[in-house]
Structures are given as C-alpha cells and as structure tokens.
Amino acid sequence: MSEIKKDYVGNVLNIGDNVVFMQIGYRGLMKGEIVYMSDKKAKLKHEPTNTCRTESIQFYEQMIKL
C-alpha cells in the first residue's frame, strides 16, 4: 500500500498538482507541476531557470500545493 504524500502544510499531493518550491541553490520561489512521484521526492516540470533547467527534484516537505 502506498503512503499518502503531503506537502509542507499537510496538503495531499498527486501527479498533475501545481506547487510552489524554492529553486535549488537560490532563495527565489518557483511554480512547478508534479510529473513523477517516488517514495520521498517528486519530479517537477517548470519554466526554464537561469541555468536553462526545466525540471527539478524536491522532497515533498519542500513544496506547497497551490
């Protein structure tokens, strides 16, 4: 049985949800969409960063569902 994944404030997360997260290595917030979920982390698709990345991996407690 799969464990329910929750964001920082306790919202249940699913593939396709839009979230806010902090860009890795920076203090700015970004919006992204969950495209893949593992046991502890999610892969997020987002607008290109200043390093041209369009995907990031974040722990569930490092994001907030919109």
Protein backbone atom coordinates (compact mmCIF):
# COMPACT_ATOMS: atom_id res chain seq x y z
CA MET A 1 0.00 0.00 0.00
CA SER A 2 1.36 3.40 -1.00
CA GLU A 3 1.84 6.07 1.64
CA ILE A 4 -0.06 9.35 1.13
CA LYS A 5 2.33 12.15 0.09
CA LYS A 6 1.83 15.54 1.75
CA ASP A 7 3.39 18.98 1.26
CA TYR A 8 4.87 21.26 3.94
CA VAL A 9 1.45 22.35 5.27
CA GLY A 10 -0.20 18.94 5.05
CA ASN A 11 -1.99 19.11 1.67
CA VAL A 12 -2.21 15.76 -0.16
CA LEU A 13 -0.09 15.73 -3.35
CA ASN A 14 -0.74 13.96 -6.65
CA ILE A 15 0.75 13.91 -10.14
CA GLY A 16 -0.50 16.96 -12.04
CA ASP A 17 -0.70 19.23 -8.97
CA ASN A 18 0.78 22.72 -9.20
CA VAL A 19 3.16 23.64 -6.39
CA VAL A 20 5.49 26.40 -5.21
CA PHE A 21 9.07 25.48 -4.29
CA MET A 22 12.45 27.12 -3.76
CA GLN A 23 14.88 26.86 -6.67
CA ILE A 24 17.86 24.68 -5.75
CA GLY A 25 20.82 26.86 -4.76
CA TYR A 26 18.77 30.08 -4.74
CA ARG A 27 16.27 31.81 -2.46
CA GLY A 28 13.65 32.59 -5.12
CA LEU A 29 10.35 30.74 -5.30
CA MET A 30 9.18 29.00 -8.47
CA LYS A 31 5.96 27.39 -9.66
CA GLY A 32 6.01 23.86 -11.00
CA GLU A 33 3.85 20.85 -11.82
CA ILE A 34 4.40 17.38 -10.35
CA VAL A 35 5.17 14.95 -13.20
CA TYR A 36 6.57 11.98 -11.22
CA MET A 37 6.40 10.83 -7.60
CA SER A 38 8.68 8.43 -5.70
CA ASP A 39 8.65 7.42 -2.02
CA LYS A 40 10.25 10.63 -0.74
CA LYS A 41 10.60 13.05 -3.69
CA ALA A 42 8.76 14.43 -6.70
CA LYS A 43 10.00 15.50 -10.13
CA LEU A 44 8.67 18.95 -11.04
CA LYS A 45 8.38 20.49 -14.51
CA HIS A 46 8.71 24.29 -14.58
CA GLU A 47 9.72 27.33 -16.63
CA PRO A 48 13.43 27.44 -17.54
CA THR A 49 15.70 28.63 -14.72
CA ASN A 50 18.68 30.92 -15.19
CA THR A 51 20.67 27.72 -15.88
CA CYS A 52 18.08 26.58 -18.51
CA ARG A 53 16.81 23.66 -16.39
CA THR A 54 13.12 22.83 -16.84
CA GLU A 55 12.88 20.02 -14.25
CA SER A 56 13.79 19.79 -10.57
CA ILE A 57 13.55 17.10 -7.90
CA GLN A 58 12.29 18.13 -4.47
CA PHE A 59 11.31 16.41 -1.22
CA TYR A 60 7.56 16.66 -0.58
CA GLU A 61 8.05 18.82 2.52
CA GLN A 62 9.97 21.36 0.39
CA MET A 63 6.88 22.37 -1.63
CA ILE A 64 3.42 23.84 -1.09
CA LYS A 65 0.43 22.91 -3.22
CA LEU A 66 -1.35 25.78 -4.96
